[in-house]
PDB file of N, CA and C in Angstrom:
ATOM      1  N   UNK A   1       0.442  -1.461   0.004  1.00  0.00           N
ATOM      2  CA  UNK A   1       0.163   0.887  -0.138  1.00  0.00           C
ATOM      3  C   UNK A   1       1.101   1.142   0.087  1.00  0.00           C
ATOM      4  N   UNK A   2       1.667   1.213   0.905  1.00  0.00           N
ATOM      5  CA  UNK A   2       2.656   2.749   0.973  1.00  0.00           C
ATOM      6  C   UNK A   2       3.598   2.643  -0.501  1.00  0.00           C
ATOM      7  N   UNK A   3       3.734   1.227  -0.491  1.00  0.00           N
ATOM      8  CA  UNK A   3       4.655   1.534  -2.434  1.00  0.00           C
ATOM      9  C   UNK A   3       3.951   2.502  -3.599  1.00  0.00           C
ATOM     10  N   UNK A   4       2.938   1.816  -2.959  1.00  0.00           N
ATOM     11  CA  UNK A   4       1.402   2.190  -4.328  1.00  0.00           C
ATOM     12  C   UNK A   4       1.129   3.420  -4.094  1.00  0.00           C
ATOM     13  N   UNK A   5       1.280   4.103  -3.141  1.00  0.00           N
ATOM     14  CA  UNK A   5       1.817   5.732  -2.386  1.00  0.00           C
ATOM     15  C   UNK A   5       2.288   6.143  -2.989  1.00  0.00           C
ATOM     16  N   UNK A   6       3.501   6.046  -2.825  1.00  0.00           N
ATOM     17  CA  UNK A   6       4.983   6.281  -2.820  1.00  0.00           C
ATOM     18  C   UNK A   6       5.027   6.847  -4.872  1.00  0.00           C
ATOM     19  N   UNK A   7       4.747   5.537  -5.806  1.00  0.00           N
ATOM     20  CA  UNK A   7       4.911   5.719  -7.129  1.00  0.00           C
ATOM     21  C   UNK A   7       4.097   6.655  -7.171  1.00  0.00           C
ATOM     22  N   UNK A   8       2.686   6.909  -7.032  1.00  0.00           N
ATOM     23  CA  UNK A   8       2.061   6.865  -7.535  1.00  0.00           C
ATOM     24  C   UNK A   8       1.609   9.380  -7.242  1.00  0.00           C
ATOM     25  N   UNK A   9       2.558   9.417  -5.968  1.00  0.00           N
ATOM     26  CA  UNK A   9       3.169  10.582  -5.490  1.00  0.00           C
ATOM     27  C   UNK A   9       4.517  10.308  -6.857  1.00  0.00           C
ATOM     28  N   UNK A  10       4.807  10.091  -7.147  1.00  0.00           N
ATOM     29  CA  UNK A  10       6.447  10.627  -7.753  1.00  0.00           C
ATOM     30  C   UNK A  10       5.631  10.459  -9.271  1.00  0.00           C
ATOM     31  N   UNK A  11       4.781   9.974  -9.374  1.00  0.00           N
ATOM     32  CA  UNK A  11       3.900  10.055 -11.003  1.00  0.00           C
ATOM     33  C   UNK A  11       3.494  11.625 -11.116  1.00  0.00           C
ATOM     34  N   UNK A  12       2.388  11.935 -10.172  1.00  0.00           N
ATOM     35  CA  UNK A  12       2.418  12.501 -10.105  1.00  0.00           C
ATOM     36  C   UNK A  12       3.591  13.966 -10.519  1.00  0.00           C
ATOM     37  N   UNK A  13       4.331  14.125  -9.641  1.00  0.00           N
ATOM     38  CA  UNK A  13       4.624  15.197  -9.959  1.00  0.00           C
ATOM     39  C   UNK A  13       5.676  15.285 -10.294  1.00  0.00           C
ATOM     40  N   UNK A  14       6.059  14.707 -10.958  1.00  0.00           N
ATOM     41  CA  UNK A  14       7.150  15.074 -12.452  1.00  0.00           C
ATOM     42  C   UNK A  14       5.726  14.967 -13.977  1.00  0.00           C
ATOM     43  N   UNK A  15       4.525  14.321 -13.480  1.00  0.00           N
ATOM     44  CA  UNK A  15       3.226  15.253 -14.579  1.00  0.00           C
ATOM     45  C   UNK A  15       3.160  16.295 -14.614  1.00  0.00           C
ATOM     46  N   UNK A  16       3.322  16.411 -13.161  1.00  0.00           N
ATOM     47  CA  UNK A  16       3.015  18.555 -13.197  1.00  0.00           C
ATOM     48  C   UNK A  16       4.697  19.330 -13.059  1.00  0.00           C
ATOM     49  N   UNK A  17       5.391  18.567 -12.972  1.00  0.00           N
ATOM     50  CA  UNK A  17       6.415  19.637 -13.471  1.00  0.00           C
ATOM     51  C   UNK A  17       6.983  19.346 -15.700  1.00  0.00           C
ATOM     52  N   UNK A  18       6.080  18.110 -14.855  1.00  0.00           N
ATOM     53  CA  UNK A  18       6.387  19.292 -17.233  1.00  0.00           C
ATOM     54  C   UNK A  18       5.316  20.121 -17.531  1.00  0.00           C
ATOM     55  N   UNK A  19       4.657  20.576 -17.268  1.00  0.00           N
ATOM     56  CA  UNK A  19       4.301  22.279 -17.084  1.00  0.00           C
ATOM     57  C   UNK A  19       5.518  22.914 -17.253  1.00  0.00           C
ATOM     58  N   UNK A  20       5.970  22.542 -15.865  1.00  0.00           N
ATOM     59  CA  UNK A  20       6.516  23.969 -16.490  1.00  0.00           C
ATOM     60  C   UNK A  20       8.171  24.439 -17.070  1.00  0.00           C
ATOM     61  N   UNK A  21       8.368  22.810 -17.753  1.00  0.00           N
ATOM     62  CA  UNK A  21       9.112  23.122 -18.850  1.00  0.00           C
ATOM     63  C   UNK A  21       9.665  24.425 -19.747  1.00  0.00           C
ATOM     64  N   UNK A  22       8.048  24.317 -20.104  1.00  0.00           N
ATOM     65  CA  UNK A  22       7.635  25.832 -21.457  1.00  0.00           C
ATOM     66  C   UNK A  22       8.731  27.296 -20.581  1.00  0.00           C
ATOM     67  N   UNK A  23       8.366  27.105 -20.134  1.00  0.00           N
ATOM     68  CA  UNK A  23       8.404  27.777 -19.039  1.00  0.00           C
ATOM     69  C   UNK A  23       9.944  28.585 -18.740  1.00  0.00           C
ATOM     70  N   UNK A  24      11.065  27.822 -19.315  1.00  0.00           N
ATOM     71  CA  UNK A  24      12.563  27.625 -19.814  1.00  0.00           C
ATOM     72  C   UNK A  24      12.992  28.195 -20.470  1.00  0.00           C
ATOM     73  N   UNK A  25      14.371  29.042 -20.534  1.00  0.00           N
ATOM     74  CA  UNK A  25      15.097  29.308 -21.914  1.00  0.00           C
ATOM     75  C   UNK A  25      14.362  28.150 -23.048  1.00  0.00           C
ATOM     76  N   UNK A  26      14.619  29.046 -23.906  1.00  0.00           N
ATOM     77  CA  UNK A  26      14.204  28.652 -25.514  1.00  0.00           C
ATOM     78  C   UNK A  26      15.923  26.846 -25.333  1.00  0.00           C
ATOM     79  N   UNK A  27      16.988  28.559 -25.337  1.00  0.00           N
ATOM     80  CA  UNK A  27      17.903  27.338 -26.306  1.00  0.00           C
ATOM     81  C   UNK A  27      17.505  25.850 -25.147  1.00  0.00           C
ATOM     82  N   UNK A  28      17.036  26.230 -24.101  1.00  0.00           N
ATOM     83  CA  UNK A  28      17.408  24.332 -23.425  1.00  0.00           C
ATOM     84  C   UNK A  28      16.311  24.267 -23.460  1.00  0.00           C
ATOM     85  N   UNK A  29      15.089  24.169 -23.594  1.00  0.00           N
ATOM     86  CA  UNK A  29      14.445  23.611 -23.468  1.00  0.00           C
ATOM     87  C   UNK A  29      13.570  22.443 -24.037  1.00  0.00           C
ATOM     88  N   UNK A  30      14.777  22.467 -25.318  1.00  0.00           N
ATOM     89  CA  UNK A  30      14.544  20.972 -25.989  1.00  0.00           C
ATOM     90  C   UNK A  30      16.042  20.418 -25.643  1.00  0.00           C
ATOM     91  N   UNK A  31      16.712  20.070 -24.164  1.00  0.00           N
ATOM     92  CA  UNK A  31      17.437  18.616 -23.575  1.00  0.00           C
ATOM     93  C   UNK A  31      16.219  19.315 -22.152  1.00  0.00           C
ATOM     94  N   UNK A  32      15.956  19.900 -21.736  1.00  0.00           N
ATOM     95  CA  UNK A  32      15.254  19.592 -20.885  1.00  0.00           C
ATOM     96  C   UNK A  32      13.972  18.531 -21.508  1.00  0.00           C
ATOM     97  N   UNK A  33      12.658  18.965 -22.220  1.00  0.00           N
ATOM     98  CA  UNK A  33      12.495  17.078 -23.148  1.00  0.00           C
ATOM     99  C   UNK A  33      13.564  16.552 -23.120  1.00  0.00           C
ATOM    100  N   UNK A  34      14.208  16.350 -23.064  1.00  0.00           N
ATOM    101  CA  UNK A  34      15.068  15.458 -23.284  1.00  0.00           C
ATOM    102  C   UNK A  34      15.130  14.480 -23.066  1.00  0.00           C
ATOM    103  N   UNK A  35      15.211  15.472 -21.066  1.00  0.00           N
ATOM    104  CA  UNK A  35      16.420  14.186 -20.119  1.00  0.00           C
ATOM    105  C   UNK A  35      14.723  13.452 -19.023  1.00  0.00           C
ATOM    106  N   UNK A  36      13.351  15.067 -19.909  1.00  0.00           N
ATOM    107  CA  UNK A  36      12.574  14.103 -19.019  1.00  0.00           C
ATOM    108  C   UNK A  36      11.650  12.527 -19.817  1.00  0.00           C
ATOM    109  N   UNK A  37      11.994  12.896 -21.185  1.00  0.00           N
ATOM    110  CA  UNK A  37      12.106  11.861 -21.663  1.00  0.00           C
ATOM    111  C   UNK A  37      12.871  10.149 -21.135  1.00  0.00           C
ATOM    112  N   UNK A  38      14.215  10.752 -20.693  1.00  0.00           N
ATOM    113  CA  UNK A  38      14.602   9.443 -20.535  1.00  0.00           C
ATOM    114  C   UNK A  38      13.779   9.050 -19.117  1.00  0.00           C
ATOM    115  N   UNK A  39      13.872  10.092 -18.498  1.00  0.00           N
ATOM    116  CA  UNK A  39      13.206   9.789 -17.544  1.00  0.00           C
ATOM    117  C   UNK A  39      12.285   9.068 -17.147  1.00  0.00           C
ATOM    118  N   UNK A  40      11.566   9.022 -17.745  1.00  0.00           N
ATOM    119  CA  UNK A  40       9.590   8.491 -18.227  1.00  0.00           C
ATOM    120  C   UNK A  40      10.111   7.176 -18.269  1.00  0.00           C
ATOM    121  N   UNK A  41      10.885   7.362 -19.635  1.00  0.00           N
ATOM    122  CA  UNK A  41      11.411   5.786 -20.215  1.00  0.00           C
ATOM    123  C   UNK A  41      11.485   5.044 -19.021  1.00  0.00           C
ATOM    124  N   UNK A  42      12.537   5.296 -18.018  1.00  0.00           N
ATOM    125  CA  UNK A  42      12.638   4.113 -16.643  1.00  0.00           C
ATOM    126  C   UNK A  42      11.535   5.015 -16.032  1.00  0.00           C
ATOM    127  N   UNK A  43      11.908   5.392 -15.558  1.00  0.00           N
ATOM    128  CA  UNK A  43       9.957   4.540 -14.732  1.00  0.00           C
ATOM    129  C   UNK A  43       9.156   4.207 -15.165  1.00  0.00           C
ATOM    130  N   UNK A  44       8.466   4.118 -16.837  1.00  0.00           N
ATOM    131  CA  UNK A  44       8.277   3.408 -16.818  1.00  0.00           C
ATOM    132  C   UNK A  44       8.674   1.844 -16.898  1.00  0.00           C
ATOM    133  N   UNK A  45       9.998   0.942 -16.658  1.00  0.00           N
ATOM    134  CA  UNK A  45       9.784   0.151 -16.529  1.00  0.00           C
ATOM    135  C   UNK A  45      10.273   0.178 -15.192  1.00  0.00           C
ATOM    136  N   UNK A  46      10.829   1.087 -14.168  1.00  0.00           N
ATOM    137  CA  UNK A  46       9.902   0.227 -12.927  1.00  0.00           C
ATOM    138  C   UNK A  46       8.994   0.630 -12.034  1.00  0.00           C
ATOM    139  N   UNK A  47       7.928   1.179 -13.364  1.00  0.00           N
ATOM    140  CA  UNK A  47       7.269   1.172 -12.614  1.00  0.00           C
ATOM    141  C   UNK A  47       6.225  -0.539 -12.948  1.00  0.00           C
ATOM    142  N   UNK A  48       6.322  -0.443 -14.354  1.00  0.00           N
ATOM    143  CA  UNK A  48       6.319  -2.538 -14.753  1.00  0.00           C
ATOM    144  C   UNK A  48       6.421  -3.840 -14.118  1.00  0.00           C
ATOM    145  N   UNK A  49       7.616  -2.834 -13.101  1.00  0.00           N
ATOM    146  CA  UNK A  49       8.764  -3.839 -12.854  1.00  0.00           C
ATOM    147  C   UNK A  49       8.523  -4.006 -11.223  1.00  0.00           C
ATOM    148  N   UNK A  50       7.730  -3.067 -10.921  1.00  0.00           N
ATOM    149  CA  UNK A  50       7.819  -2.335  -9.249  1.00  0.00           C
ATOM    150  C   UNK A  50       6.173  -2.908  -9.039  1.00  0.00           C
ATOM    151  N   UNK A  51       5.408  -2.479  -9.688  1.00  0.00           N
ATOM    152  CA  UNK A  51       3.360  -1.765  -9.705  1.00  0.00           C
ATOM    153  C   UNK A  51       2.781  -3.330 -10.314  1.00  0.00           C
ATOM    154  N   UNK A  52       3.286  -3.963 -11.389  1.00  0.00           N
ATOM    155  CA  UNK A  52       2.186  -4.629 -11.805  1.00  0.00           C
ATOM    156  C   UNK A  52       2.933  -5.768 -12.360  1.00  0.00           C
ATOM    157  N   UNK A  53       4.755  -6.385 -11.684  1.00  0.00           N
ATOM    158  CA  UNK A  53       5.218  -7.279 -11.655  1.00  0.00           C
ATOM    159  C   UNK A  53       5.478  -7.691 -13.043  1.00  0.00           C
ATOM    160  N   UNK A  54       5.996  -6.769 -13.893  1.00  0.00           N
ATOM    161  CA  UNK A  54       5.938  -7.676 -15.271  1.00  0.00           C
ATOM    162  C   UNK A  54       7.747  -7.127 -14.683  1.00  0.00           C
ATOM    163  N   UNK A  55       8.716  -8.453 -15.212  1.00  0.00           N
ATOM    164  CA  UNK A  55       9.867  -8.191 -15.594  1.00  0.00           C
ATOM    165  C   UNK A  55      10.329  -7.697 -17.025  1.00  0.00           C
ATOM    166  N   UNK A  56      11.824  -6.756 -16.643  1.00  0.00           N
ATOM    167  CA  UNK A  56      11.547  -6.499 -17.798  1.00  0.00           C
ATOM    168  C   UNK A  56      12.865  -6.794 -19.295  1.00  0.00           C
ATOM    169  N   UNK A  57      12.696  -7.877 -19.936  1.00  0.00           N
ATOM    170  CA  UNK A  57      13.469  -8.074 -20.257  1.00  0.00           C
ATOM    171  C   UNK A  57      14.700  -7.594 -21.326  1.00  0.00           C
ATOM    172  N   UNK A  58      15.314  -8.121 -22.415  1.00  0.00           N
ATOM    173  CA  UNK A  58      16.105  -7.561 -22.265  1.00  0.00           C
ATOM    174  C   UNK A  58      16.437  -6.889 -23.769  1.00  0.00           C
ATOM    175  N   UNK A  59      15.423  -6.715 -24.202  1.00  0.00           N
ATOM    176  CA  UNK A  59      15.443  -5.382 -25.637  1.00  0.00           C
ATOM    177  C   UNK A  59      14.261  -4.120 -24.705  1.00  0.00           C
ATOM    178  N   UNK A  60      13.935  -3.813 -23.692  1.00  0.00           N
ATOM    179  CA  UNK A  60      13.270  -3.411 -22.676  1.00  0.00           C
ATOM    180  C   UNK A  60      14.802  -3.100 -22.321  1.00  0.00           C
ATOM    181  N   UNK A  61      15.220  -3.237 -22.188  1.00  0.00           N
ATOM    182  CA  UNK A  61      16.655  -2.677 -21.151  1.00  0.00           C
ATOM    183  C   UNK A  61      17.270  -2.418 -22.041  1.00  0.00           C
ATOM    184  N   UNK A  62      17.796  -3.167 -23.267  1.00  0.00           N
ATOM    185  CA  UNK A  62      18.291  -1.699 -23.983  1.00  0.00           C
ATOM    186  C   UNK A  62      17.878  -1.266 -24.878  1.00  0.00           C
ATOM    187  N   UNK A  63      16.854  -0.645 -25.326  1.00  0.00           N
ATOM    188  CA  UNK A  63      15.703   0.053 -25.619  1.00  0.00           C
ATOM    189  C   UNK A  63      15.542   1.306 -24.225  1.00  0.00           C
ATOM    190  N   UNK A  64      15.891   0.700 -22.829  1.00  0.00           N
ATOM    191  CA  UNK A  64      16.371   1.982 -21.999  1.00  0.00           C
ATOM    192  C   UNK A  64      17.823   2.809 -22.114  1.00  0.00           C
ATOM    193  N   UNK A  65      18.396   1.613 -22.413  1.00  0.00           N
ATOM    194  CA  UNK A  65      20.530   2.173 -21.977  1.00  0.00           C
ATOM    195  C   UNK A  65      20.113   3.136 -23.408  1.00  0.00           C
ATOM    196  N   UNK A  66      19.688   2.973 -24.727  1.00  0.00           N
ATOM    197  CA  UNK A  66      19.972   3.774 -25.677  1.00  0.00           C
ATOM    198  C   UNK A  66      19.529   5.074 -25.859  1.00  0.00           C
ATOM    199  N   UNK A  67      17.374   4.878 -24.872  1.00  0.00           N
ATOM    200  CA  UNK A  67      17.468   6.350 -24.074  1.00  0.00           C
ATOM    201  C   UNK A  67      18.267   6.738 -23.889  1.00  0.00           C
ATOM    202  N   UNK A  68      18.437   6.547 -23.028  1.00  0.00           N
ATOM    203  CA  UNK A  68      19.027   7.285 -21.783  1.00  0.00           C
ATOM    204  C   UNK A  68      21.235   8.597 -22.479  1.00  0.00           C
ATOM    205  N   UNK A  69      20.978   6.470 -23.143  1.00  0.00           N
ATOM    206  CA  UNK A  69      23.401   7.181 -23.963  1.00  0.00           C
ATOM    207  C   UNK A  69      22.754   8.024 -25.535  1.00  0.00           C
ATOM    208  N   UNK A  70      20.811   8.724 -25.336  1.00  0.00           N
ATOM    209  CA  UNK A  70      20.459   9.630 -26.177  1.00  0.00           C
ATOM    210  C   UNK A  70      20.572  10.840 -25.443  1.00  0.00           C
ATOM    211  N   UNK A  71      19.452  10.471 -23.946  1.00  0.00           N
ATOM    212  CA  UNK A  71      19.261  12.152 -24.103  1.00  0.00           C
ATOM    213  C   UNK A  71      21.262  12.598 -23.285  1.00  0.00           C
ATOM    214  N   UNK A  72      22.003  11.458 -22.802  1.00  0.00           N
ATOM    215  CA  UNK A  72      23.734  12.406 -22.421  1.00  0.00           C
ATOM    216  C   UNK A  72      23.444  13.323 -23.496  1.00  0.00           C
ATOM    217  N   UNK A  73      24.167  12.368 -25.071  1.00  0.00           N
ATOM    218  CA  UNK A  73      24.175  13.037 -25.940  1.00  0.00           C
ATOM    219  C   UNK A  73      23.590  14.595 -26.769  1.00  0.00           C
ATOM    220  N   UNK A  74      22.288  14.796 -25.646  1.00  0.00           N
ATOM    221  CA  UNK A  74      21.562  15.933 -26.649  1.00  0.00           C
ATOM    222  C   UNK A  74      21.729  17.063 -24.886  1.00  0.00           C
ATOM    223  N   UNK A  75      21.816  16.069 -23.638  1.00  0.00           N
ATOM    224  CA  UNK A  75      22.585  16.954 -22.304  1.00  0.00           C
ATOM    225  C   UNK A  75      24.172  17.044 -23.260  1.00  0.00           C
ATOM    226  N   UNK A  76      24.643  16.402 -22.471  1.00  0.00           N
ATOM    227  CA  UNK A  76      25.985  17.433 -22.202  1.00  0.00           C
ATOM    228  C   UNK A  76      27.255  17.010 -23.567  1.00  0.00           C
ATOM    229  N   UNK A  77      26.210  17.192 -24.821  1.00  0.00           N
ATOM    230  CA  UNK A  77      26.971  17.451 -26.421  1.00  0.00           C
ATOM    231  C   UNK A  77      27.527  18.990 -25.974  1.00  0.00           C
ATOM    232  N   UNK A  78      29.237  19.252 -26.464  1.00  0.00           N
ATOM    233  CA  UNK A  78      29.513  19.924 -26.312  1.00  0.00           C
ATOM    234  C   UNK A  78      28.958  21.179 -27.484  1.00  0.00           C
ATOM    235  N   UNK A  79      28.398  22.566 -27.040  1.00  0.00           N
ATOM    236  CA  UNK A  79      28.124  23.097 -27.954  1.00  0.00           C
ATOM    237  C   UNK A  79      29.005  24.827 -28.082  1.00  0.00           C
TER     238      UNK A  79
END
């Protein structure tokens, strides 16, 4: 019960923060959305594992790793 409530609070927090992203400077808004997308993918896999009881397979983890590599390229590539 407490685990479910904690996960609901985390999802609510992330969904409410999504509305704040467009208020950042235009130069970084794409990077913020990329970071949000990467976090969303990781949270979706964690939700499936913890709440739904679905174990991610190798391709789920591989896709998650590719997404996080893409996020890191977008966020940290020198400009």
